[in-house]
Amino acid sequence: MARLTSAAAAAAPEAAGFARNFSIEATRPNATEIAALAEILPHATPVYFSAVPTIAPHELVVAAASLRRAGLEPVVHIAARRMRTASDLADLLGRLRGEADVKRLLVIGGDVDTPGPFPDALSVIQKGRLREVGIEEIGIGAYPERHPRIGAGRLEAALDEKLAAAAAQDLRVHIVSQFSFSPERILAWLKQLRACSITQPVKVGMAGPTSMPALLRYARRCGVAASLRGLMTGAGGALVGQVVGNVGPDRIIATLSAAGGLGNTAPHYFSFGGTVETARYACEASAGRHGAGRAMAQ
């Protein structure tokens, strides 16, 4: 990593401010990882627990309870299309609330071709009786880049519908974006969001420090490969030589930190390079000591 330039050094305090109220995603953290997270992360840091297709409801509850006991804030993904019955959803929510004191969810559609009673996230918000079991806040997904299967117009309409449905259910809402590698695209999307009078907090998705081969794999899977290719070829091809070693979201943090008028925004780190390693990076960035605001290696 290159040394701080004078301009980057001046931006470091702003970068730390933006990066301070971060959240991270974890996929099946084991007991050792949860203990490590408790040592690294500030108390009550939101840790989003991914609802991967092979995970059982019991595993979700146990992991959420472990995170809660560790002093962290579990935020569980609820994949609407994977709920086989309304009773399954009610049972899961009741256990999450009763055994792990879960008060926040991230409600997503889920990648299942044949859904049950909940075909999308909106239907869970409207019919899932979330407030009845004690859920107070939900996260809803958004996409700074094009969704690989949903048109831009439909995405915008769906966001409006989910915000309205959450308000009708007296649920607080925050927006969690898909990760992107283009600071310019993220910034333009945030400005458009605010211009449309959407004032809810936004957690800006970004990939934590991850090897370039892993980034390429996840980018292709999630439909954001175009912005990664732009990152690799931009700035004189600065990242082409970083196939060995990890690449972090320094440039995104620096760009958003320097921008004004974005309202309540903060990083949301996807831990493709490992949950513990991502947690360490996030804490360093929040203190302005590592990555954020630094110049890219030349």
C-alpha atoms as a PDB file:
ATOM      1  CA  MET A   1       0.000   0.000   0.000  1.00  0.00           C
ATOM      2  CA  ALA A   2       1.338   3.425  -0.891  1.00  0.00           C
ATOM      3  CA  ARG A   3       2.053   6.127   1.676  1.00  0.00           C
ATOM      4  CA  LEU A   4      -0.563   8.751   2.442  1.00  0.00           C
ATOM      5  CA  THR A   5      -0.474  11.689   0.097  1.00  0.00           C
ATOM      6  CA  SER A   6      -1.125  15.116   1.630  1.00  0.00           C
ATOM      7  CA  ALA A   7      -4.643  15.177   0.150  1.00  0.00           C
ATOM      8  CA  ALA A   8      -5.379  11.663   1.373  1.00  0.00           C
ATOM      9  CA  ALA A   9      -4.044  12.490   4.818  1.00  0.00           C
ATOM     10  CA  ALA A  10      -6.357  15.480   5.005  1.00  0.00           C
ATOM     11  CA  ALA A  11      -9.295  13.244   4.057  1.00  0.00           C
ATOM     12  CA  ALA A  12      -8.486  10.626   6.725  1.00  0.00           C
ATOM     13  CA  PRO A  13     -10.613  12.178   9.529  1.00  0.00           C
ATOM     14  CA  GLU A  14     -13.616  12.412   7.210  1.00  0.00           C
ATOM     15  CA  ALA A  15     -13.053   8.837   6.090  1.00  0.00           C
ATOM     16  CA  ALA A  16     -13.000   7.687   9.698  1.00  0.00           C
ATOM     17  CA  GLY A  17     -16.266   9.529  10.352  1.00  0.00           C
ATOM     18  CA  PHE A  18     -18.060   7.839   7.467  1.00  0.00           C
ATOM     19  CA  ALA A  19     -16.558   4.446   8.309  1.00  0.00           C
ATOM     20  CA  ARG A  20     -17.345   4.537  12.028  1.00  0.00           C
ATOM     21  CA  ASN A  21     -20.885   3.101  12.184  1.00  0.00           C
ATOM     22  CA  PHE A  22     -20.184   0.072  10.045  1.00  0.00           C
ATOM     23  CA  SER A  23     -21.796  -3.360   9.906  1.00  0.00           C
ATOM     24  CA  ILE A  24     -20.455  -6.635   8.564  1.00  0.00           C
ATOM     25  CA  GLU A  25     -21.868  -9.811   7.059  1.00  0.00           C
ATOM     26  CA  ALA A  26     -20.935 -13.257   8.287  1.00  0.00           C
ATOM     27  CA  THR A  27     -21.665 -16.612   6.694  1.00  0.00           C
ATOM     28  CA  ARG A  28     -21.927 -19.426   9.214  1.00  0.00           C
ATOM     29  CA  PRO A  29     -19.457 -18.073  11.792  1.00  0.00           C
ATOM     30  CA  ASN A  30     -18.334 -20.804  14.175  1.00  0.00           C
ATOM     31  CA  ALA A  31     -17.786 -20.404  17.906  1.00  0.00           C
ATOM     32  CA  THR A  32     -14.120 -19.514  17.444  1.00  0.00           C
ATOM     33  CA  GLU A  33     -14.936 -16.804  14.900  1.00  0.00           C
ATOM     34  CA  ILE A  34     -17.692 -15.341  17.070  1.00  0.00           C
ATOM     35  CA  ALA A  35     -15.307 -15.172  20.029  1.00  0.00           C
ATOM     36  CA  ALA A  36     -12.740 -13.414  17.835  1.00  0.00           C
ATOM     37  CA  LEU A  37     -15.360 -10.960  16.583  1.00  0.00           C
ATOM     38  CA  ALA A  38     -16.302 -10.137  20.171  1.00  0.00           C
ATOM     39  CA  GLU A  39     -12.668  -9.263  20.878  1.00  0.00           C
ATOM     40  CA  ILE A  40     -12.258  -7.123  17.758  1.00  0.00           C
ATOM     41  CA  LEU A  41     -15.560  -5.336  17.189  1.00  0.00           C
ATOM     42  CA  PRO A  42     -17.102  -2.556  19.290  1.00  0.00           C
ATOM     43  CA  HIS A  43     -19.951  -3.634  21.543  1.00  0.00           C
ATOM     44  CA  ALA A  44     -23.314  -3.979  19.730  1.00  0.00           C
ATOM     45  CA  THR A  45     -21.802  -3.877  16.233  1.00  0.00           C
ATOM     46  CA  PRO A  46     -24.465  -5.183  13.806  1.00  0.00           C
ATOM     47  CA  VAL A  47     -23.434  -8.552  12.391  1.00  0.00           C
ATOM     48  CA  TYR A  48     -25.668  -9.714   9.556  1.00  0.00           C
ATOM     49  CA  PHE A  49     -26.063 -13.468   9.431  1.00  0.00           C
ATOM     50  CA  SER A  50     -26.461 -14.660   5.833  1.00  0.00           C
ATOM     51  CA  ALA A  51     -29.294 -17.055   5.015  1.00  0.00           C
ATOM     52  CA  VAL A  52     -27.350 -19.327   2.679  1.00  0.00           C
ATOM     53  CA  PRO A  53     -29.543 -22.000   0.998  1.00  0.00           C
ATOM     54  CA  THR A  54     -28.113 -24.926   2.973  1.00  0.00           C
ATOM     55  CA  ILE A  55     -28.512 -23.430   6.436  1.00  0.00           C
ATOM     56  CA  ALA A  56     -31.181 -24.862   8.741  1.00  0.00           C
ATOM     57  CA  PRO A  57     -33.458 -22.617  10.845  1.00  0.00           C
ATOM     58  CA  HIS A  58     -32.003 -24.101  14.029  1.00  0.00           C
ATOM     59  CA  GLU A  59     -28.511 -23.064  12.928  1.00  0.00           C
ATOM     60  CA  LEU A  60     -29.718 -19.510  12.315  1.00  0.00           C
ATOM     61  CA  VAL A  61     -31.170 -19.310  15.818  1.00  0.00           C
ATOM     62  CA  VAL A  62     -28.098 -20.799  17.508  1.00  0.00           C
ATOM     63  CA  ALA A  63     -25.709 -18.476  15.674  1.00  0.00           C
ATOM     64  CA  ALA A  64     -27.863 -15.423  16.415  1.00  0.00           C
ATOM     65  CA  ALA A  65     -27.982 -16.344  20.097  1.00  0.00           C
ATOM     66  CA  SER A  66     -24.203 -16.806  20.153  1.00  0.00           C
ATOM     67  CA  LEU A  67     -23.685 -13.385  18.596  1.00  0.00           C
ATOM     68  CA  ARG A  68     -26.045 -11.828  21.151  1.00  0.00           C
ATOM     69  CA  ARG A  69     -24.207 -13.456  24.075  1.00  0.00           C
ATOM     70  CA  ALA A  70     -20.945 -12.157  22.620  1.00  0.00           C
ATOM     71  CA  GLY A  71     -22.237  -8.591  22.915  1.00  0.00           C
ATOM     72  CA  LEU A  72     -22.903  -8.113  19.214  1.00  0.00           C
ATOM     73  CA  GLU A  73     -26.173  -7.219  17.441  1.00  0.00           C
ATOM     74  CA  PRO A  74     -27.443 -10.128  15.321  1.00  0.00           C
ATOM     75  CA  VAL A  75     -29.320  -9.101  12.166  1.00  0.00           C
ATOM     76  CA  VAL A  76     -30.691 -12.209  10.474  1.00  0.00           C
ATOM     77  CA  HIS A  77     -31.398 -12.512   6.763  1.00  0.00           C
ATOM     78  CA  ILE A  78     -34.921 -13.699   6.006  1.00  0.00           C
ATOM     79  CA  ALA A  79     -35.120 -15.087   2.467  1.00  0.00           C
ATOM     80  CA  ALA A  80     -38.794 -14.821   1.518  1.00  0.00           C
ATOM     81  CA  ARG A  81     -38.903 -17.370  -1.294  1.00  0.00           C
ATOM     82  CA  ARG A  82     -37.268 -20.054   0.871  1.00  0.00           C
ATOM     83  CA  MET A  83     -40.080 -20.020   3.446  1.00  0.00           C
ATOM     84  CA  ARG A  84     -42.160 -23.114   2.733  1.00  0.00           C
ATOM     85  CA  THR A  85     -45.137 -22.066   4.868  1.00  0.00           C
ATOM     86  CA  ALA A  86     -46.313 -19.064   6.851  1.00  0.00           C
ATOM     87  CA  SER A  87     -45.998 -21.204   9.982  1.00  0.00           C
ATOM     88  CA  ASP A  88     -42.313 -21.814   9.221  1.00  0.00           C
ATOM     89  CA  LEU A  89     -41.705 -18.076   9.133  1.00  0.00           C
ATOM     90  CA  ALA A  90     -43.698 -17.488  12.329  1.00  0.00           C
ATOM     91  CA  ASP A  91     -41.830 -20.269  14.151  1.00  0.00           C
ATOM     92  CA  LEU A  92     -38.441 -18.964  13.023  1.00  0.00           C
ATOM     93  CA  LEU A  93     -39.222 -15.387  14.003  1.00  0.00           C
ATOM     94  CA  GLY A  94     -40.569 -16.482  17.378  1.00  0.00           C
ATOM     95  CA  ARG A  95     -37.416 -18.444  18.141  1.00  0.00           C
ATOM     96  CA  LEU A  96     -35.123 -15.650  16.941  1.00  0.00           C
ATOM     97  CA  ARG A  97     -36.918 -13.187  19.176  1.00  0.00           C
ATOM     98  CA  GLY A  98     -37.235 -15.500  22.169  1.00  0.00           C
ATOM     99  CA  GLU A  99     -33.814 -17.169  22.119  1.00  0.00           C
ATOM    100  CA  ALA A 100     -31.588 -14.478  20.590  1.00  0.00           C
ATOM    101  CA  ASP A 101     -33.496 -11.236  21.270  1.00  0.00           C
ATOM    102  CA  VAL A 102     -33.404 -10.465  17.536  1.00  0.00           C
ATOM    103  CA  LYS A 103     -35.096  -7.151  16.813  1.00  0.00           C
ATOM    104  CA  ARG A 104     -33.709  -6.443  13.343  1.00  0.00           C
ATOM    105  CA  LEU A 105     -33.924  -8.421  10.121  1.00  0.00           C
ATOM    106  CA  LEU A 106     -32.696  -8.069   6.555  1.00  0.00           C
ATOM    107  CA  VAL A 107     -35.620  -9.116   4.378  1.00  0.00           C
ATOM    108  CA  ILE A 108     -34.588 -10.353   0.941  1.00  0.00           C
ATOM    109  CA  GLY A 109     -36.257 -12.230  -1.906  1.00  0.00           C
ATOM    110  CA  GLY A 110     -34.038 -15.291  -2.065  1.00  0.00           C
ATOM    111  CA  ASP A 111     -32.945 -17.225  -5.132  1.00  0.00           C
ATOM    112  CA  VAL A 112     -35.584 -19.959  -5.311  1.00  0.00           C
ATOM    113  CA  ASP A 113     -37.400 -20.623  -8.571  1.00  0.00           C
ATOM    114  CA  THR A 114     -40.570 -22.009  -6.958  1.00  0.00           C
ATOM    115  CA  PRO A 115     -41.487 -19.971  -3.875  1.00  0.00           C
ATOM    116  CA  GLY A 116     -43.941 -20.807  -1.119  1.00  0.00           C
ATOM    117  CA  PRO A 117     -46.431 -18.300   0.288  1.00  0.00           C
ATOM    118  CA  PHE A 118     -43.949 -15.403   0.173  1.00  0.00           C
ATOM    119  CA  PRO A 119     -42.865 -14.701  -3.424  1.00  0.00           C
ATOM    120  CA  ASP A 120     -40.777 -11.662  -2.513  1.00  0.00           C
ATOM    121  CA  ALA A 121     -39.527  -9.492   0.331  1.00  0.00           C
ATOM    122  CA  LEU A 122     -42.565  -7.206   0.043  1.00  0.00           C
ATOM    123  CA  SER A 123     -44.924 -10.049   0.903  1.00  0.00           C
ATOM    124  CA  VAL A 124     -42.979 -10.802   4.104  1.00  0.00           C
ATOM    125  CA  ILE A 125     -43.178  -7.147   5.121  1.00  0.00           C
ATOM    126  CA  GLN A 126     -46.904  -7.005   4.384  1.00  0.00           C
ATOM    127  CA  LYS A 127     -48.007 -10.405   5.703  1.00  0.00           C
ATOM    128  CA  GLY A 128     -45.236 -11.704   7.968  1.00  0.00           C
ATOM    129  CA  ARG A 129     -46.610 -10.107  11.169  1.00  0.00           C
ATOM    130  CA  LEU A 130     -43.133  -8.932  12.058  1.00  0.00           C
ATOM    131  CA  ARG A 131     -44.232  -6.386  14.651  1.00  0.00           C
ATOM    132  CA  GLU A 132     -46.339  -8.986  16.437  1.00  0.00           C
ATOM    133  CA  VAL A 133     -43.244 -11.000  17.330  1.00  0.00           C
ATOM    134  CA  GLY A 134     -41.242  -7.951  18.381  1.00  0.00           C
ATOM    135  CA  ILE A 135     -39.293  -7.067  15.244  1.00  0.00           C
ATOM    136  CA  GLU A 136     -38.643  -3.320  15.313  1.00  0.00           C
ATOM    137  CA  GLU A 137     -36.517  -2.650  12.235  1.00  0.00           C
ATOM    138  CA  ILE A 138     -35.857  -4.203   8.856  1.00  0.00           C
ATOM    139  CA  GLY A 139     -33.237  -3.803   6.202  1.00  0.00           C
ATOM    140  CA  ILE A 140     -34.276  -3.905   2.559  1.00  0.00           C
ATOM    141  CA  GLY A 141     -32.018  -4.477  -0.417  1.00  0.00           C
ATOM    142  CA  ALA A 142     -31.062  -2.029  -3.155  1.00  0.00           C
ATOM    143  CA  TYR A 143     -28.735  -2.069  -6.148  1.00  0.00           C
ATOM    144  CA  PRO A 144     -26.348   0.715  -7.201  1.00  0.00           C
ATOM    145  CA  GLU A 145     -25.623  -1.357 -10.314  1.00  0.00           C
ATOM    146  CA  ARG A 146     -28.080  -3.136 -12.557  1.00  0.00           C
ATOM    147  CA  HIS A 147     -29.677  -6.256 -11.161  1.00  0.00           C
ATOM    148  CA  PRO A 148     -28.856  -9.220 -13.430  1.00  0.00           C
ATOM    149  CA  ARG A 149     -32.546 -10.245 -13.675  1.00  0.00           C
ATOM    150  CA  ILE A 150     -34.676  -7.237 -12.656  1.00  0.00           C
ATOM    151  CA  GLY A 151     -35.073  -4.024 -14.651  1.00  0.00           C
ATOM    152  CA  ALA A 152     -34.156  -0.660 -13.142  1.00  0.00           C
ATOM    153  CA  GLY A 153     -37.737   0.625 -13.232  1.00  0.00           C
ATOM    154  CA  ARG A 154     -39.034  -2.384 -11.344  1.00  0.00           C
ATOM    155  CA  LEU A 155     -36.254  -2.069  -8.745  1.00  0.00           C
ATOM    156  CA  GLU A 156     -37.195   1.543  -8.059  1.00  0.00           C
ATOM    157  CA  ALA A 157     -40.892   0.703  -7.770  1.00  0.00           C
ATOM    158  CA  ALA A 158     -40.166  -2.238  -5.457  1.00  0.00           C
ATOM    159  CA  LEU A 159     -38.086  -0.031  -3.176  1.00  0.00           C
ATOM    160  CA  ASP A 160     -40.946   2.476  -2.898  1.00  0.00           C
ATOM    161  CA  GLU A 161     -43.426  -0.323  -2.194  1.00  0.00           C
ATOM    162  CA  LYS A 162     -41.283  -1.825   0.559  1.00  0.00           C
ATOM    163  CA  LEU A 163     -40.748   1.534   2.238  1.00  0.00           C
ATOM    164  CA  ALA A 164     -44.504   2.194   2.196  1.00  0.00           C
ATOM    165  CA  ALA A 165     -45.331  -1.281   3.508  1.00  0.00           C
ATOM    166  CA  ALA A 166     -42.802  -0.970   6.344  1.00  0.00           C
ATOM    167  CA  ALA A 167     -44.224   2.405   7.334  1.00  0.00           C
ATOM    168  CA  ALA A 168     -47.722   0.905   7.387  1.00  0.00           C
ATOM    169  CA  GLN A 169     -46.451  -1.814   9.737  1.00  0.00           C
ATOM    170  CA  ASP A 170     -44.690   0.737  11.978  1.00  0.00           C
ATOM    171  CA  LEU A 171     -41.287  -0.764  11.187  1.00  0.00           C
ATOM    172  CA  ARG A 172     -38.115   1.286  11.071  1.00  0.00           C
ATOM    173  CA  VAL A 173     -36.209   0.790   7.819  1.00  0.00           C
ATOM    174  CA  HIS A 174     -32.664   0.986   6.591  1.00  0.00           C
ATOM    175  CA  ILE A 175     -31.413   0.223   3.101  1.00  0.00           C
ATOM    176  CA  VAL A 176     -28.596  -2.251   2.457  1.00  0.00           C
ATOM    177  CA  SER A 177     -27.029  -2.055  -0.977  1.00  0.00           C
ATOM    178  CA  GLN A 178     -25.464  -4.781  -3.062  1.00  0.00           C
ATOM    179  CA  PHE A 179     -21.710  -4.354  -3.174  1.00  0.00           C
ATOM    180  CA  SER A 180     -20.114  -2.450  -6.024  1.00  0.00           C
ATOM    181  CA  PHE A 181     -16.552  -1.616  -6.970  1.00  0.00           C
ATOM    182  CA  SER A 182     -17.305   1.750  -8.570  1.00  0.00           C
ATOM    183  CA  PRO A 183     -17.185   4.732  -6.169  1.00  0.00           C
ATOM    184  CA  GLU A 184     -18.633   6.961  -8.881  1.00  0.00           C
ATOM    185  CA  ARG A 185     -21.599   4.688  -9.476  1.00  0.00           C
ATOM    186  CA  ILE A 186     -22.317   4.338  -5.761  1.00  0.00           C
ATOM    187  CA  LEU A 187     -22.113   8.100  -5.288  1.00  0.00           C
ATOM    188  CA  ALA A 188     -24.464   8.787  -8.215  1.00  0.00           C
ATOM    189  CA  TRP A 189     -26.933   6.216  -6.881  1.00  0.00           C
ATOM    190  CA  LEU A 190     -26.891   7.716  -3.384  1.00  0.00           C
ATOM    191  CA  LYS A 191     -27.454  11.208  -4.746  1.00  0.00           C
ATOM    192  CA  GLN A 192     -30.383   9.970  -6.833  1.00  0.00           C
ATOM    193  CA  LEU A 193     -31.828   8.222  -3.787  1.00  0.00           C
ATOM    194  CA  ARG A 194     -31.697  11.411  -1.715  1.00  0.00           C
ATOM    195  CA  ALA A 195     -33.034  13.482  -4.606  1.00  0.00           C
ATOM    196  CA  CYS A 196     -36.107  11.236  -4.556  1.00  0.00           C
ATOM    197  CA  SER A 197     -36.669  12.169  -0.885  1.00  0.00           C
ATOM    198  CA  ILE A 198     -35.633   8.741   0.393  1.00  0.00           C
ATOM    199  CA  THR A 199     -34.071   9.690   3.723  1.00  0.00           C
ATOM    200  CA  GLN A 200     -33.688   6.288   5.403  1.00  0.00           C
ATOM    201  CA  PRO A 201     -30.205   5.251   6.580  1.00  0.00           C
ATOM    202  CA  VAL A 202     -28.175   3.503   3.894  1.00  0.00           C
ATOM    203  CA  LYS A 203     -25.614   0.805   4.546  1.00  0.00           C
ATOM    204  CA  VAL A 204     -23.354   0.891   1.509  1.00  0.00           C
ATOM    205  CA  GLY A 205     -22.322  -2.589   0.449  1.00  0.00           C
ATOM    206  CA  MET A 206     -18.636  -3.061  -0.217  1.00  0.00           C
ATOM    207  CA  ALA A 207     -16.325  -6.044  -0.321  1.00  0.00           C
ATOM    208  CA  GLY A 208     -13.891  -6.201   2.554  1.00  0.00           C
ATOM    209  CA  PRO A 209     -10.247  -7.073   1.873  1.00  0.00           C
ATOM    210  CA  THR A 210     -10.377 -10.005  -0.513  1.00  0.00           C
ATOM    211  CA  SER A 211      -8.035 -11.660  -2.991  1.00  0.00           C
ATOM    212  CA  MET A 212      -8.541 -10.675  -6.601  1.00  0.00           C
ATOM    213  CA  PRO A 213      -9.517 -14.220  -7.723  1.00  0.00           C
ATOM    214  CA  ALA A 214     -12.200 -14.351  -5.008  1.00  0.00           C
ATOM    215  CA  LEU A 215     -13.448 -10.881  -5.936  1.00  0.00           C
ATOM    216  CA  LEU A 216     -13.797 -11.929  -9.557  1.00  0.00           C
ATOM    217  CA  ARG A 217     -15.728 -15.040  -8.551  1.00  0.00           C
ATOM    218  CA  TYR A 218     -18.204 -13.181  -6.315  1.00  0.00           C
ATOM    219  CA  ALA A 219     -18.544 -10.286  -8.764  1.00  0.00           C
ATOM    220  CA  ARG A 220     -19.584 -12.618 -11.576  1.00  0.00           C
ATOM    221  CA  ARG A 221     -22.025 -14.451  -9.303  1.00  0.00           C
ATOM    222  CA  CYS A 222     -23.663 -11.225  -8.091  1.00  0.00           C
ATOM    223  CA  GLY A 223     -23.753  -9.373 -11.416  1.00  0.00           C
ATOM    224  CA  VAL A 224     -21.238  -6.621 -10.620  1.00  0.00           C
ATOM    225  CA  ALA A 225     -18.323  -7.808 -12.707  1.00  0.00           C
ATOM    226  CA  ALA A 226     -18.429  -4.708 -14.919  1.00  0.00           C
ATOM    227  CA  SER A 227     -17.469  -2.323 -12.115  1.00  0.00           C
ATOM    228  CA  LEU A 228     -14.709  -4.678 -10.973  1.00  0.00           C
ATOM    229  CA  ARG A 229     -13.239  -4.739 -14.480  1.00  0.00           C
ATOM    230  CA  GLY A 230     -13.327  -0.930 -14.422  1.00  0.00           C
ATOM    231  CA  LEU A 231     -11.497  -0.932 -11.097  1.00  0.00           C
ATOM    232  CA  MET A 232      -8.852  -3.294 -12.432  1.00  0.00           C
ATOM    233  CA  THR A 233      -8.181  -1.261 -15.569  1.00  0.00           C
ATOM    234  CA  GLY A 234      -8.568   2.215 -14.033  1.00  0.00           C
ATOM    235  CA  ALA A 235      -5.804   4.335 -12.539  1.00  0.00           C
ATOM    236  CA  GLY A 236      -3.284   2.919 -14.973  1.00  0.00           C
ATOM    237  CA  GLY A 237      -4.185  -0.673 -14.220  1.00  0.00           C
ATOM    238  CA  ALA A 238      -3.120  -0.295 -10.599  1.00  0.00           C
ATOM    239  CA  LEU A 239      -4.844  -3.480  -9.447  1.00  0.00           C
ATOM    240  CA  VAL A 240      -3.761  -5.806 -12.215  1.00  0.00           C
ATOM    241  CA  GLY A 241      -0.627  -6.717 -10.290  1.00  0.00           C
ATOM    242  CA  GLN A 242      -2.483  -7.396  -7.025  1.00  0.00           C
ATOM    243  CA  VAL A 243      -3.652 -10.911  -7.826  1.00  0.00           C
ATOM    244  CA  VAL A 244      -1.580 -12.026  -4.842  1.00  0.00           C
ATOM    245  CA  GLY A 245      -2.683 -10.263  -1.667  1.00  0.00           C
ATOM    246  CA  ASN A 246      -5.946  -8.617  -0.745  1.00  0.00           C
ATOM    247  CA  VAL A 247      -7.750  -5.645  -2.254  1.00  0.00           C
ATOM    248  CA  GLY A 248      -9.908  -3.496   0.019  1.00  0.00           C
ATOM    249  CA  PRO A 249     -12.554  -0.794  -0.535  1.00  0.00           C
ATOM    250  CA  ASP A 250     -10.224   2.131   0.266  1.00  0.00           C
ATOM    251  CA  ARG A 251     -11.188   4.207  -2.761  1.00  0.00           C
ATOM    252  CA  ILE A 252     -14.919   3.831  -2.111  1.00  0.00           C
ATOM    253  CA  ILE A 253     -14.519   4.941   1.511  1.00  0.00           C
ATOM    254  CA  ALA A 254     -12.418   7.931   0.503  1.00  0.00           C
ATOM    255  CA  THR A 255     -14.878   9.012  -2.208  1.00  0.00           C
ATOM    256  CA  LEU A 256     -17.992   8.766  -0.052  1.00  0.00           C
ATOM    257  CA  SER A 257     -16.243  10.398   2.904  1.00  0.00           C
ATOM    258  CA  ALA A 258     -15.434  13.456   0.817  1.00  0.00           C
ATOM    259  CA  ALA A 259     -18.968  13.785  -0.564  1.00  0.00           C
ATOM    260  CA  GLY A 260     -21.641  15.884   1.104  1.00  0.00           C
ATOM    261  CA  GLY A 261     -25.411  15.659   1.233  1.00  0.00           C
ATOM    262  CA  LEU A 262     -25.600  11.869   1.495  1.00  0.00           C
ATOM    263  CA  GLY A 263     -27.464  11.751   4.794  1.00  0.00           C
ATOM    264  CA  ASN A 264     -27.065   8.806   7.146  1.00  0.00           C
ATOM    265  CA  THR A 265     -24.698   6.453   5.326  1.00  0.00           C
ATOM    266  CA  ALA A 266     -22.149   3.921   6.551  1.00  0.00           C
ATOM    267  CA  PRO A 267     -20.197   0.929   5.208  1.00  0.00           C
ATOM    268  CA  HIS A 268     -21.637  -2.563   5.134  1.00  0.00           C
ATOM    269  CA  TYR A 269     -18.802  -5.034   4.615  1.00  0.00           C
ATOM    270  CA  PHE A 270     -19.212  -8.339   2.805  1.00  0.00           C
ATOM    271  CA  SER A 271     -16.629 -10.676   4.277  1.00  0.00           C
ATOM    272  CA  PHE A 272     -15.536 -12.602   1.192  1.00  0.00           C
ATOM    273  CA  GLY A 273     -11.949 -12.632   2.472  1.00  0.00           C
ATOM    274  CA  GLY A 274     -12.967 -13.937   5.897  1.00  0.00           C
ATOM    275  CA  THR A 275     -15.162 -12.559   8.667  1.00  0.00           C
ATOM    276  CA  VAL A 276     -12.387 -11.958  11.200  1.00  0.00           C
ATOM    277  CA  GLU A 277     -10.099 -10.314   8.642  1.00  0.00           C
ATOM    278  CA  THR A 278     -12.970  -8.070   7.514  1.00  0.00           C
ATOM    279  CA  ALA A 279     -13.712  -7.102  11.120  1.00  0.00           C
ATOM    280  CA  ARG A 280     -10.090  -6.054  11.648  1.00  0.00           C
ATOM    281  CA  TYR A 281     -10.140  -3.969   8.476  1.00  0.00           C
ATOM    282  CA  ALA A 282     -13.434  -2.308   9.421  1.00  0.00           C
ATOM    283  CA  CYS A 283     -12.106  -1.298  12.828  1.00  0.00           C
ATOM    284  CA  GLU A 284      -8.909   0.107  11.340  1.00  0.00           C
ATOM    285  CA  ALA A 285     -10.884   2.060   8.740  1.00  0.00           C
ATOM    286  CA  SER A 286     -13.242   3.407  11.397  1.00  0.00           C
ATOM    287  CA  ALA A 287     -10.244   4.775  13.272  1.00  0.00           C
ATOM    288  CA  GLY A 288      -8.714   6.274  10.123  1.00  0.00           C
ATOM    289  CA  ARG A 289      -5.601   4.162  10.515  1.00  0.00           C
ATOM    290  CA  HIS A 290      -5.842   1.679   7.676  1.00  0.00           C
ATOM    291  CA  GLY A 291      -6.874   1.864   4.071  1.00  0.00           C
ATOM    292  CA  ALA A 292      -9.531   4.573   4.125  1.00  0.00           C
ATOM    293  CA  GLY A 293      -8.350   7.741   2.462  1.00  0.00           C
ATOM    294  CA  ARG A 294      -5.071   6.265   1.299  1.00  0.00           C
ATOM    295  CA  ALA A 295      -3.749   6.609  -2.220  1.00  0.00           C
ATOM    296  CA  MET A 296      -3.824   3.541  -4.423  1.00  0.00           C
ATOM    297  CA  ALA A 297      -0.488   1.915  -5.055  1.00  0.00           C
ATOM    298  CA  GLN A 298       1.095   3.170  -8.249  1.00  0.00           C
END
